[in-house]
Amino acid sequence: MRTALVLVLLAALVGAPLVALARVAGERGWSAAFDTLTSLETGTAVRNTLVLAVVVTVLGCACGTAVALTTRDAGRWLRLALLLPVLVPEFVLGFGWSQAYGPSGFADDLLGVEVPGLLGPVGIVLVLTVHAVPLAYLAVAAGLAVRAEPDLERAARASGAGPFVVLQTVLLPLLRLPLLAAGVLVFVTTVNSFAIPQVLGGYPTMTTLVYADLNLSADPDAFGQLTTVALAMAALVLVVVGLADTVLGSSVVRTGTPGAVAGRSRRHWFLGAYTVFAIGLPMLVVLGVSITRGPGLAPVPANWTLANYVTAFAGPTWPALLRTLLLAVLAAAILTVLSGLVVSLRRPVLGTVLTLCFAVPGSALAVGTLIAYGRLLGTSAAIILVVYLAKLWAVAYRPVLAGVDRLGADLVPAARSSGARPFTAVRTVVLPPLSTALATAAGLVFVLASHELTMSSILYGPGSQTFAVVVLNQQQLGDVGASAALSVVLTAPLALLAVLLLRGARARTS
């Protein structure tokens, strides 16, 4: 019964939208779909997306691997700083870079220096790579934790091998599978990315094309074309994830001795400088712009003002903020419960299905959901909640699964044998040790839902804007001060949450 319920929910949340997407795309006929994919506009977007995905995957995995190898003995604060680019919403990261290193930005005004081509493909690659490095770092660092062989490294170095020979002959062979996992994660994230290409502009991708066709195009055939593009996105990502999952699933995990070669790396100062350049300075510039009276003025106390915040919170901003908080809380609560249900079934195939659901591009999922449930839900906040549930279920499932794996298998039977009813056994024996995992699952979903933009920007209507959509609209209207103020409001709670989690982790280990 419980398995049937989970399968029905998955079919309703993800299966029905994808089927609806395929149905509408198929109604135009194969020739029309082929014409759409080979047209100049769509062909350019597809090519740009693939180029971005490949280039960012290569750069992100290379940099993420280097970071993982040089931070095995780093402190918690440095590791947290390296993770900040993935904690900051993509829109804010792109906006911060444009204000710090773009034309007439902070570096340009102060030093006469700007990043060449920032508002275009070069800048999109750079910022997407900055966003991808923490993802690759997490995957590779996890691989190092279970596959590292310090004795082999010491033996190779004792035999006269240099650092690059050790890397080539010892470390990289041990990290083949983590590197593949990191590559898939970065590839999928890059194909899904909407905010950074939209903010930096000048390089249309499949996600920006779907957004433009749905929200900005007056062509009556635009909706049929965008369904074809969205379906192509979904097919591309699912094929890549499916092939990678086959390789990962068929490989034998070889665990080694956790640990690292002794000795504090001398390269930590470089990582600190990179963190300041990649995320520290852009976020400080956004903060400065948010409290400065006007563009071009120096962010000195004489020019400070809160007028940008007052302007930013006029109109639909407060309702959008409250709506976003409500949607994020509902998504976190519902998905935490549903993840507990899936974990209780102990069917690994369901976890694989949830991972594939997470891999479906947000643009494709949003368009499919609009087709499947648009007549019933319209452009209300409810349809946005539906796509949040579909997209983020896997995010909640993983922490809950990890927590359950640490529980003793005999806890519930022991409680039942002592006379406890099923609900009482779960409440008194299972939930207390799972509290951290459940809180982590709910927190992750809350954070991701609170700054989600790709799906919300497609599905929102009058009276259903989310906070991230309001920020995007302010930026597109050219109100830099208000955009910066809203970006600070969107990001500050996430940074505070990261600091609190780190302090909590230090308290538990001290």
Protein backbone atom coordinates (compact mmCIF):
# COMPACT_ATOMS: atom_id res chain seq x y z
CA MET A 1 0.00 0.00 0.00
CA ARG A 2 2.76 2.45 0.95
CA THR A 3 4.77 1.54 -2.14
CA ALA A 4 1.73 2.12 -4.32
CA LEU A 5 1.21 5.53 -2.72
CA VAL A 6 4.81 6.58 -3.44
CA LEU A 7 4.58 5.38 -7.05
CA VAL A 8 1.31 7.27 -7.56
CA LEU A 9 2.85 10.46 -6.17
CA LEU A 10 5.92 10.10 -8.41
CA ALA A 11 3.71 9.50 -11.42
CA ALA A 12 1.60 12.55 -10.61
CA LEU A 13 4.50 14.87 -9.78
CA VAL A 14 6.96 13.92 -12.53
CA GLY A 15 5.48 11.26 -14.81
CA ALA A 16 2.34 13.16 -15.79
CA PRO A 17 4.21 16.42 -16.60
CA LEU A 18 6.77 14.60 -18.77
CA VAL A 19 4.03 12.66 -20.57
CA ALA A 20 2.08 15.89 -21.12
CA LEU A 21 5.22 17.56 -22.44
CA ALA A 22 5.86 14.70 -24.87
CA ARG A 23 2.20 14.71 -25.96
CA VAL A 24 2.14 18.40 -26.84
CA ALA A 25 5.53 18.22 -28.54
CA GLY A 26 4.37 15.15 -30.49
CA GLU A 27 1.15 16.82 -31.65
CA ARG A 28 3.24 19.10 -33.84
CA GLY A 29 4.71 16.08 -35.64
CA TRP A 30 8.26 14.82 -35.97
CA SER A 31 9.02 17.10 -38.90
CA ALA A 32 7.95 20.19 -36.93
CA ALA A 33 10.01 19.06 -33.94
CA PHE A 34 13.02 18.50 -36.18
CA ASP A 35 12.55 21.92 -37.75
CA THR A 36 12.40 23.50 -34.29
CA LEU A 37 15.58 21.81 -33.09
CA THR A 38 17.46 22.68 -36.28
CA SER A 39 16.24 26.28 -36.54
CA LEU A 40 18.83 29.00 -36.13
CA GLU A 41 17.50 30.23 -32.76
CA THR A 42 17.00 26.81 -31.17
CA GLY A 43 20.13 25.33 -32.72
CA THR A 44 22.18 28.18 -31.29
CA ALA A 45 20.65 27.68 -27.84
CA VAL A 46 21.25 23.91 -27.93
CA ARG A 47 24.84 24.38 -29.08
CA ASN A 48 25.51 27.04 -26.46
CA THR A 49 24.05 24.83 -23.71
CA LEU A 50 26.19 21.87 -24.69
CA VAL A 51 29.35 24.00 -24.95
CA LEU A 52 28.67 25.55 -21.56
CA ALA A 53 27.94 22.18 -19.98
CA VAL A 54 31.11 20.56 -21.32
CA VAL A 55 33.45 23.49 -20.61
CA VAL A 56 32.07 24.13 -17.11
CA THR A 57 32.15 20.40 -16.30
CA VAL A 58 35.82 20.15 -17.28
CA LEU A 59 36.85 23.34 -15.47
CA GLY A 60 34.63 22.73 -12.44
CA CYS A 61 35.81 19.14 -11.93
CA ALA A 62 39.46 20.06 -12.40
CA CYS A 63 39.26 22.94 -9.93
CA GLY A 64 37.04 21.00 -7.52
CA THR A 65 39.51 18.09 -7.50
CA ALA A 66 42.42 20.45 -6.87
CA VAL A 67 40.52 22.04 -3.98
CA ALA A 68 39.64 18.65 -2.49
CA LEU A 69 43.26 17.49 -2.65
CA THR A 70 44.63 20.66 -1.05
CA THR A 71 42.07 21.00 1.74
CA ARG A 72 42.27 17.53 3.27
CA ASP A 73 43.95 19.12 6.29
CA ALA A 74 42.18 22.50 6.10
CA GLY A 75 40.10 24.03 8.87
CA ARG A 76 36.32 24.14 8.93
CA TRP A 77 36.11 27.86 8.18
CA LEU A 78 38.10 27.54 4.97
CA ARG A 79 35.97 24.60 3.85
CA LEU A 80 32.80 26.56 4.62
CA ALA A 81 34.13 29.56 2.67
CA LEU A 82 34.79 27.32 -0.32
CA LEU A 83 31.17 26.12 -0.19
CA LEU A 84 29.67 29.63 -0.15
CA PRO A 85 29.26 29.94 -3.96
CA VAL A 86 26.81 27.04 -3.96
CA LEU A 87 24.96 28.38 -0.90
CA VAL A 88 24.46 31.79 -2.51
CA PRO A 89 21.54 31.88 -4.98
CA GLU A 90 22.72 31.73 -8.60
CA PHE A 91 21.02 35.02 -9.42
CA VAL A 92 22.85 36.81 -6.59
CA LEU A 93 26.17 35.28 -7.60
CA GLY A 94 25.79 36.48 -11.20
CA PHE A 95 24.53 39.90 -10.10
CA GLY A 96 27.41 40.26 -7.63
CA TRP A 97 29.99 39.48 -10.28
CA SER A 98 28.43 41.99 -12.69
CA GLN A 99 28.60 44.70 -10.02
CA ALA A 100 32.12 43.81 -8.87
CA TYR A 101 33.92 43.03 -12.13
CA GLY A 102 31.68 44.20 -14.96
CA PRO A 103 31.69 47.49 -16.92
CA SER A 104 31.32 50.43 -14.50
CA GLY A 105 31.59 47.96 -11.65
CA PHE A 106 33.60 48.25 -8.45
CA ALA A 107 36.94 47.10 -9.91
CA ASP A 108 36.42 49.22 -13.04
CA ASP A 109 35.67 52.38 -11.05
CA LEU A 110 38.47 51.82 -8.52
CA LEU A 111 41.26 50.38 -10.67
CA GLY A 112 40.06 50.72 -14.24
CA VAL A 113 40.01 46.92 -14.49
CA GLU A 114 37.14 44.66 -15.54
CA VAL A 115 36.77 41.01 -16.50
CA PRO A 116 36.77 40.99 -20.32
CA GLY A 117 33.55 39.58 -21.75
CA LEU A 118 31.88 39.24 -18.34
CA LEU A 119 28.50 40.18 -19.82
CA GLY A 120 28.58 37.30 -22.27
CA PRO A 121 29.84 33.75 -22.72
CA VAL A 122 33.18 34.29 -20.95
CA GLY A 123 31.49 35.65 -17.85
CA ILE A 124 28.82 32.95 -17.88
CA VAL A 125 31.51 30.24 -18.01
CA LEU A 126 33.48 31.89 -15.20
CA VAL A 127 30.53 32.34 -12.84
CA LEU A 128 29.06 28.91 -13.60
CA THR A 129 32.49 27.40 -12.88
CA VAL A 130 32.66 29.26 -9.57
CA HIS A 131 29.22 27.85 -8.76
CA ALA A 132 30.27 24.34 -9.89
CA VAL A 133 33.56 24.08 -7.99
CA PRO A 134 31.90 23.41 -4.58
CA LEU A 135 29.69 20.72 -6.14
CA ALA A 136 32.70 18.91 -7.61
CA TYR A 137 34.66 19.48 -4.42
CA LEU A 138 31.97 17.81 -2.30
CA ALA A 139 31.80 14.77 -4.59
CA VAL A 140 35.58 14.33 -4.79
CA ALA A 141 36.11 15.01 -1.07
CA ALA A 142 33.54 12.33 -0.26
CA GLY A 143 35.44 9.95 -2.54
CA LEU A 144 38.72 10.80 -0.83
CA ALA A 145 37.18 10.05 2.56
CA VAL A 146 36.52 6.41 1.64
CA ARG A 147 39.04 5.75 -1.11
CA ALA A 148 42.17 7.55 0.06
CA GLU A 149 45.27 5.38 0.42
CA PRO A 150 47.81 7.45 2.40
CA ASP A 151 50.20 4.51 2.56
CA LEU A 152 50.31 4.28 -1.23
CA GLU A 153 50.99 8.01 -1.48
CA ARG A 154 53.79 7.81 1.08
CA ALA A 155 55.28 4.77 -0.66
CA ALA A 156 55.21 6.52 -4.04
CA ARG A 157 56.87 9.61 -2.63
CA ALA A 158 59.44 7.53 -0.75
CA SER A 159 60.27 5.88 -4.09
CA GLY A 160 61.07 9.30 -5.56
CA ALA A 161 57.79 10.11 -7.31
CA GLY A 162 56.95 13.78 -7.52
CA PRO A 163 53.53 15.29 -6.68
CA PHE A 164 52.27 15.11 -10.27
CA VAL A 165 53.36 11.47 -10.66
CA VAL A 166 51.58 10.60 -7.40
CA LEU A 167 48.50 12.40 -8.64
CA GLN A 168 48.55 10.59 -11.98
CA THR A 169 49.43 7.10 -10.78
CA VAL A 170 47.82 6.88 -7.31
CA LEU A 171 45.14 9.48 -6.62
CA LEU A 172 43.32 9.86 -9.92
CA PRO A 173 42.87 6.10 -10.50
CA LEU A 174 41.32 5.85 -7.02
CA LEU A 175 39.00 8.78 -7.79
CA ARG A 176 37.60 7.64 -11.15
CA LEU A 177 34.09 7.06 -9.82
CA PRO A 178 33.91 10.18 -7.63
CA LEU A 179 35.12 12.23 -10.60
CA LEU A 180 32.42 10.69 -12.79
CA ALA A 181 29.80 11.49 -10.16
CA ALA A 182 31.12 15.04 -9.90
CA GLY A 183 31.06 15.42 -13.68
CA VAL A 184 27.44 14.29 -13.91
CA LEU A 185 26.40 16.61 -11.08
CA VAL A 186 28.10 19.63 -12.66
CA PHE A 187 26.82 18.78 -16.16
CA VAL A 188 23.21 18.48 -14.96
CA THR A 189 23.45 21.67 -12.89
CA THR A 190 24.88 23.62 -15.83
CA VAL A 191 22.19 22.45 -18.24
CA ASN A 192 19.59 23.41 -15.60
CA SER A 193 21.11 26.84 -14.96
CA PHE A 194 18.87 29.78 -15.84
CA ALA A 195 19.70 32.68 -13.53
CA ILE A 196 23.37 33.19 -14.43
CA PRO A 197 22.89 33.12 -18.24
CA GLN A 198 19.83 35.35 -17.82
CA VAL A 199 21.60 37.93 -15.64
CA LEU A 200 24.86 38.09 -17.58
CA GLY A 201 23.10 37.74 -20.95
CA GLY A 202 24.51 37.75 -24.46
CA TYR A 203 24.58 33.96 -24.78
CA PRO A 204 21.17 32.30 -25.19
CA THR A 205 20.77 28.81 -23.71
CA MET A 206 17.93 26.31 -23.72
CA THR A 207 16.67 27.55 -20.35
CA THR A 208 16.64 31.22 -21.35
CA LEU A 209 14.99 30.29 -24.66
CA VAL A 210 12.16 28.46 -22.86
CA TYR A 211 11.70 31.46 -20.54
CA ALA A 212 11.69 33.93 -23.43
CA ASP A 213 9.25 31.88 -25.52
CA LEU A 214 6.82 31.47 -22.63
CA ASN A 215 6.97 34.94 -21.09
CA LEU A 216 8.13 37.31 -23.81
CA SER A 217 7.24 35.89 -27.22
CA ALA A 218 4.16 37.01 -29.16
CA ASP A 219 4.51 34.16 -31.69
CA PRO A 220 1.44 31.87 -31.39
CA ASP A 221 3.61 28.86 -32.26
CA ALA A 222 6.13 29.68 -29.55
CA PHE A 223 4.54 27.37 -26.95
CA GLY A 224 4.74 24.37 -29.26
CA GLN A 225 8.37 25.17 -29.98
CA LEU A 226 9.29 25.53 -26.33
CA THR A 227 7.74 22.14 -25.49
CA THR A 228 10.09 20.58 -28.02
CA VAL A 229 13.09 22.39 -26.52
CA ALA A 230 12.05 21.44 -22.98
CA LEU A 231 11.59 17.80 -23.95
CA ALA A 232 15.02 17.80 -25.62
CA MET A 233 16.53 19.18 -22.40
CA ALA A 234 14.92 16.43 -20.35
CA ALA A 235 16.06 13.73 -22.79
CA LEU A 236 19.63 15.05 -22.84
CA VAL A 237 19.98 15.11 -19.06
CA LEU A 238 18.25 11.79 -18.43
CA VAL A 239 20.43 10.03 -21.01
CA VAL A 240 23.60 11.40 -19.42
CA VAL A 241 22.44 10.55 -15.89
CA GLY A 242 21.24 7.11 -16.95
CA LEU A 243 24.54 6.20 -18.59
CA ALA A 244 26.54 7.48 -15.64
CA ASP A 245 24.31 5.65 -13.17
CA THR A 246 24.89 2.43 -15.12
CA VAL A 247 28.65 2.87 -14.82
CA LEU A 248 28.49 3.85 -11.15
CA GLY A 249 26.08 1.08 -10.26
CA SER A 250 28.10 -1.62 -11.98
CA SER A 251 31.39 -0.63 -10.39
CA VAL A 252 32.72 -2.16 -7.24
CA VAL A 253 33.42 0.35 -4.51
CA ARG A 254 36.91 -0.08 -3.17
CA THR A 255 37.39 1.55 0.19
CA GLY A 256 40.70 2.50 1.62
CA THR A 257 41.91 3.95 4.86
CA PRO A 258 40.44 7.38 5.50
CA GLY A 259 43.05 9.98 6.00
CA ALA A 260 45.46 12.29 4.31
CA VAL A 261 49.14 12.69 3.86
CA ALA A 262 50.44 14.54 6.88
CA GLY A 263 51.45 18.14 6.62
CA ARG A 264 49.48 21.35 6.29
CA SER A 265 49.26 22.54 2.71
CA ARG A 266 51.05 25.78 1.85
CA ARG A 267 48.42 26.45 -0.79
CA HIS A 268 45.67 27.37 1.66
CA TRP A 269 46.48 31.05 1.28
CA PHE A 270 45.75 30.75 -2.43
CA LEU A 271 42.38 29.15 -1.72
CA GLY A 272 41.59 31.96 0.68
CA ALA A 273 42.44 34.54 -1.98
CA TYR A 274 40.29 32.69 -4.52
CA THR A 275 37.36 32.69 -2.08
CA VAL A 276 37.68 36.43 -1.55
CA PHE A 277 37.77 37.03 -5.32
CA ALA A 278 35.02 34.56 -6.24
CA ILE A 279 32.44 35.27 -3.55
CA GLY A 280 33.74 37.64 -0.86
CA LEU A 281 34.25 40.79 -2.92
CA PRO A 282 31.12 40.35 -5.10
CA MET A 283 28.92 39.96 -2.02
CA LEU A 284 30.53 42.96 -0.28
CA VAL A 285 29.93 45.01 -3.43
CA VAL A 286 26.26 43.94 -3.50
CA LEU A 287 25.95 45.00 0.13
CA GLY A 288 27.63 48.31 -0.65
CA VAL A 289 25.38 48.98 -3.64
CA SER A 290 22.31 48.19 -1.54
CA ILE A 291 23.10 50.98 0.97
CA THR A 292 24.49 53.57 -1.50
CA ARG A 293 22.28 56.44 -2.67
CA GLY A 294 22.83 55.92 -6.37
CA PRO A 295 24.90 54.07 -9.00
CA GLY A 296 28.41 55.40 -9.44
CA LEU A 297 28.67 56.90 -5.95
CA ALA A 298 31.35 55.67 -3.59
CA PRO A 299 30.00 53.39 -0.84
CA VAL A 300 31.25 55.67 1.93
CA PRO A 301 29.23 56.61 5.05
CA ALA A 302 28.27 59.99 3.57
CA ASN A 303 26.42 58.18 0.75
CA TRP A 304 24.78 55.48 2.85
CA THR A 305 21.02 55.18 2.89
CA LEU A 306 18.26 52.64 3.45
CA ALA A 307 16.15 54.13 0.66
CA ASN A 308 16.94 51.20 -1.64
CA TYR A 309 15.41 48.79 0.88
CA VAL A 310 12.33 50.97 1.23
CA THR A 311 11.93 51.10 -2.56
CA ALA A 312 12.61 47.39 -2.93
CA PHE A 313 9.87 46.41 -0.48
CA ALA A 314 7.19 48.55 -2.10
CA GLY A 315 4.57 46.87 -4.25
CA PRO A 316 4.46 43.06 -4.41
CA THR A 317 7.67 42.39 -2.48
CA TRP A 318 6.27 41.74 0.99
CA PRO A 319 3.51 39.41 -0.27
CA ALA A 320 6.10 37.62 -2.44
CA LEU A 321 8.41 37.16 0.57
CA LEU A 322 5.63 35.76 2.73
CA ARG A 323 4.46 33.53 -0.12
CA THR A 324 8.01 32.22 -0.60
CA LEU A 325 8.40 31.44 3.09
CA LEU A 326 5.06 29.62 3.12
CA LEU A 327 5.92 27.57 0.01
CA ALA A 328 9.37 26.72 1.40
CA VAL A 329 7.95 25.63 4.77
CA LEU A 330 5.23 23.51 3.14
CA ALA A 331 7.70 21.88 0.74
CA ALA A 332 10.15 21.15 3.59
CA ALA A 333 7.47 19.64 5.83
CA ILE A 334 5.78 17.55 3.13
CA LEU A 335 9.00 16.23 1.61
CA THR A 336 10.53 15.34 4.96
CA VAL A 337 7.49 13.18 5.74
CA LEU A 338 7.44 11.65 2.25
CA SER A 339 11.17 10.90 2.46
CA GLY A 340 10.64 9.08 5.74
CA LEU A 341 7.92 7.06 4.02
CA VAL A 342 10.24 6.10 1.13
CA VAL A 343 13.10 5.19 3.47
CA SER A 344 10.78 2.98 5.54
CA LEU A 345 10.02 0.93 2.41
CA ARG A 346 13.72 -0.02 2.04
CA ARG A 347 13.55 -0.16 -1.75
CA PRO A 348 16.75 1.32 -3.26
CA VAL A 349 15.15 1.55 -6.70
CA LEU A 350 12.86 4.28 -5.37
CA GLY A 351 15.92 6.31 -4.40
CA THR A 352 17.25 5.94 -7.93
CA VAL A 353 13.92 7.14 -9.34
CA LEU A 354 13.98 10.16 -7.04
CA THR A 355 17.49 11.00 -8.24
CA LEU A 356 16.32 10.87 -11.86
CA CYS A 357 13.40 13.13 -10.95
CA PHE A 358 15.84 15.63 -9.46
CA ALA A 359 17.90 15.50 -12.65
CA VAL A 360 14.95 16.53 -14.86
CA PRO A 361 15.65 20.16 -15.88
CA GLY A 362 13.52 22.63 -13.98
CA SER A 363 12.39 24.37 -17.18
CA ALA A 364 11.12 21.10 -18.66
CA LEU A 365 9.41 20.10 -15.42
CA ALA A 366 7.74 23.50 -15.10
CA VAL A 367 6.41 23.50 -18.68
CA GLY A 368 5.16 19.92 -18.34
CA THR A 369 3.45 20.71 -15.04
CA LEU A 370 1.81 23.76 -16.63
CA ILE A 371 0.42 21.57 -19.41
CA ALA A 372 -0.70 18.78 -17.07
CA TYR A 373 -2.22 20.85 -14.28
CA GLY A 374 -2.56 24.36 -15.70
CA ARG A 375 -6.33 24.12 -16.14
CA LEU A 376 -6.77 22.89 -12.58
CA LEU A 377 -4.26 25.09 -10.77
CA GLY A 378 -3.68 27.93 -13.23
CA THR A 379 -0.72 30.13 -12.30
CA SER A 380 -1.42 30.02 -8.58
CA ALA A 381 1.13 29.40 -5.86
CA ALA A 382 -0.18 25.82 -5.65
CA ILE A 383 1.32 24.88 -9.02
CA ILE A 384 4.67 26.26 -7.87
CA LEU A 385 4.46 24.07 -4.77
CA VAL A 386 3.82 21.04 -7.00
CA VAL A 387 7.07 21.55 -8.94
CA TYR A 388 8.98 22.16 -5.72
CA LEU A 389 7.77 18.80 -4.42
CA ALA A 390 8.70 17.06 -7.67
CA LYS A 391 12.15 18.62 -7.98
CA LEU A 392 13.34 18.58 -4.36
CA TRP A 393 12.11 15.22 -3.08
CA ALA A 394 15.54 13.65 -3.65
CA VAL A 395 17.19 16.47 -1.69
CA ALA A 396 15.18 15.55 1.42
CA TYR A 397 15.49 11.81 0.86
CA ARG A 398 19.30 11.57 1.01
CA PRO A 399 19.82 12.98 4.55
CA VAL A 400 16.94 10.90 5.92
CA LEU A 401 18.38 7.76 4.29
CA ALA A 402 21.81 8.49 5.77
CA GLY A 403 20.29 8.92 9.22
CA VAL A 404 18.28 5.70 9.04
CA ASP A 405 21.35 3.74 7.91
CA ARG A 406 22.98 4.59 11.25
CA LEU A 407 20.08 3.24 13.31
CA GLY A 408 20.18 -0.21 14.79
CA ALA A 409 17.90 -2.64 12.98
CA ASP A 410 16.61 -4.09 16.25
CA LEU A 411 15.40 -0.84 17.88
CA VAL A 412 11.80 -0.97 16.67
CA PRO A 413 11.37 -4.75 17.22
CA ALA A 414 12.72 -4.31 20.75
CA ALA A 415 10.25 -1.52 21.45
CA ARG A 416 7.37 -3.55 20.00
CA SER A 417 8.33 -6.60 22.07
CA SER A 418 8.16 -4.38 25.15
CA GLY A 419 4.52 -3.61 24.35
CA ALA A 420 4.84 -0.32 22.45
CA ARG A 421 2.39 0.33 19.65
CA PRO A 422 3.84 1.04 16.15
CA PHE A 423 3.34 4.82 16.38
CA THR A 424 4.73 4.92 19.92
CA ALA A 425 7.78 2.88 18.87
CA VAL A 426 8.50 5.25 16.01
CA ARG A 427 7.95 8.36 18.15
CA THR A 428 10.10 7.22 21.08
CA VAL A 429 12.78 5.09 19.44
CA VAL A 430 13.20 6.22 15.82
CA LEU A 431 12.48 9.95 15.75
CA PRO A 432 14.87 11.15 18.53
CA PRO A 433 18.07 9.80 16.93
CA LEU A 434 16.80 10.92 13.51
CA SER A 435 16.15 14.51 14.59
CA THR A 436 19.39 15.84 13.07
CA ALA A 437 18.82 14.04 9.75
CA LEU A 438 15.21 15.22 9.58
CA ALA A 439 16.21 18.80 10.39
CA THR A 440 18.92 18.66 7.74
CA ALA A 441 16.47 17.38 5.13
CA ALA A 442 13.92 20.07 5.98
CA GLY A 443 16.61 22.78 6.06
CA LEU A 444 18.02 21.84 2.66
CA VAL A 445 14.59 21.86 1.03
CA PHE A 446 13.70 25.15 2.70
CA VAL A 447 16.90 26.83 1.49
CA LEU A 448 16.63 25.58 -2.09
CA ALA A 449 12.92 26.38 -2.34
CA SER A 450 13.36 29.85 -0.89
CA HIS A 451 15.68 30.98 -3.70
CA GLU A 452 14.43 28.77 -6.57
CA LEU A 453 14.03 30.85 -9.74
CA THR A 454 14.02 28.66 -12.86
CA MET A 455 10.64 27.00 -12.34
CA SER A 456 9.04 29.92 -10.49
CA SER A 457 9.85 32.36 -13.30
CA ILE A 458 7.93 30.15 -15.75
CA LEU A 459 4.91 29.34 -13.58
CA TYR A 460 4.16 32.53 -11.66
CA GLY A 461 1.21 34.73 -12.49
CA PRO A 462 -0.44 37.86 -11.07
CA GLY A 463 -0.46 37.47 -7.32
CA SER A 464 1.80 34.39 -7.22
CA GLN A 465 5.29 35.86 -7.61
CA THR A 466 7.99 34.39 -5.43
CA PHE A 467 10.69 36.51 -3.84
CA ALA A 468 13.35 35.36 -6.33
CA VAL A 469 11.07 36.34 -9.23
CA VAL A 470 10.64 39.83 -7.75
CA VAL A 471 14.43 40.18 -7.52
CA LEU A 472 14.81 39.13 -11.16
CA ASN A 473 12.11 41.57 -12.27
CA GLN A 474 13.81 44.43 -10.41
CA GLN A 475 17.11 43.62 -12.11
CA GLN A 476 15.50 43.51 -15.54
CA LEU A 477 13.90 46.92 -14.87
CA GLY A 478 17.39 48.30 -14.28
CA ASP A 479 16.92 49.28 -10.64
CA VAL A 480 20.39 48.34 -9.40
CA GLY A 481 19.96 49.61 -5.84
CA ALA A 482 16.68 47.79 -5.25
CA SER A 483 18.06 44.62 -6.86
CA ALA A 484 21.07 44.74 -4.55
CA ALA A 485 18.86 45.29 -1.49
CA LEU A 486 16.66 42.32 -2.36
CA SER A 487 19.73 40.21 -3.10
CA VAL A 488 21.06 40.91 0.39
CA VAL A 489 17.72 39.96 1.94
CA LEU A 490 17.65 36.77 -0.13
CA THR A 491 21.21 35.75 0.77
CA ALA A 492 21.84 36.90 4.35
CA PRO A 493 19.68 34.22 6.02
CA LEU A 494 21.51 31.50 4.08
CA ALA A 495 24.91 32.77 5.22
CA LEU A 496 23.65 32.97 8.83
CA LEU A 497 22.32 29.41 8.59
CA ALA A 498 25.69 28.16 7.30
CA VAL A 499 27.52 29.83 10.20
CA LEU A 500 25.09 28.39 12.75
CA LEU A 501 25.44 24.89 11.27
CA LEU A 502 29.23 25.15 11.42
CA ARG A 503 29.19 26.36 15.03
CA GLY A 504 26.81 23.54 15.91
CA ALA A 505 29.13 21.01 14.28
CA ARG A 506 32.11 22.41 16.21
CA ALA A 507 30.16 22.27 19.47
CA ARG A 508 29.24 18.61 18.90
CA THR A 509 32.83 17.61 18.14
CA SER A 510 34.46 19.61 20.95
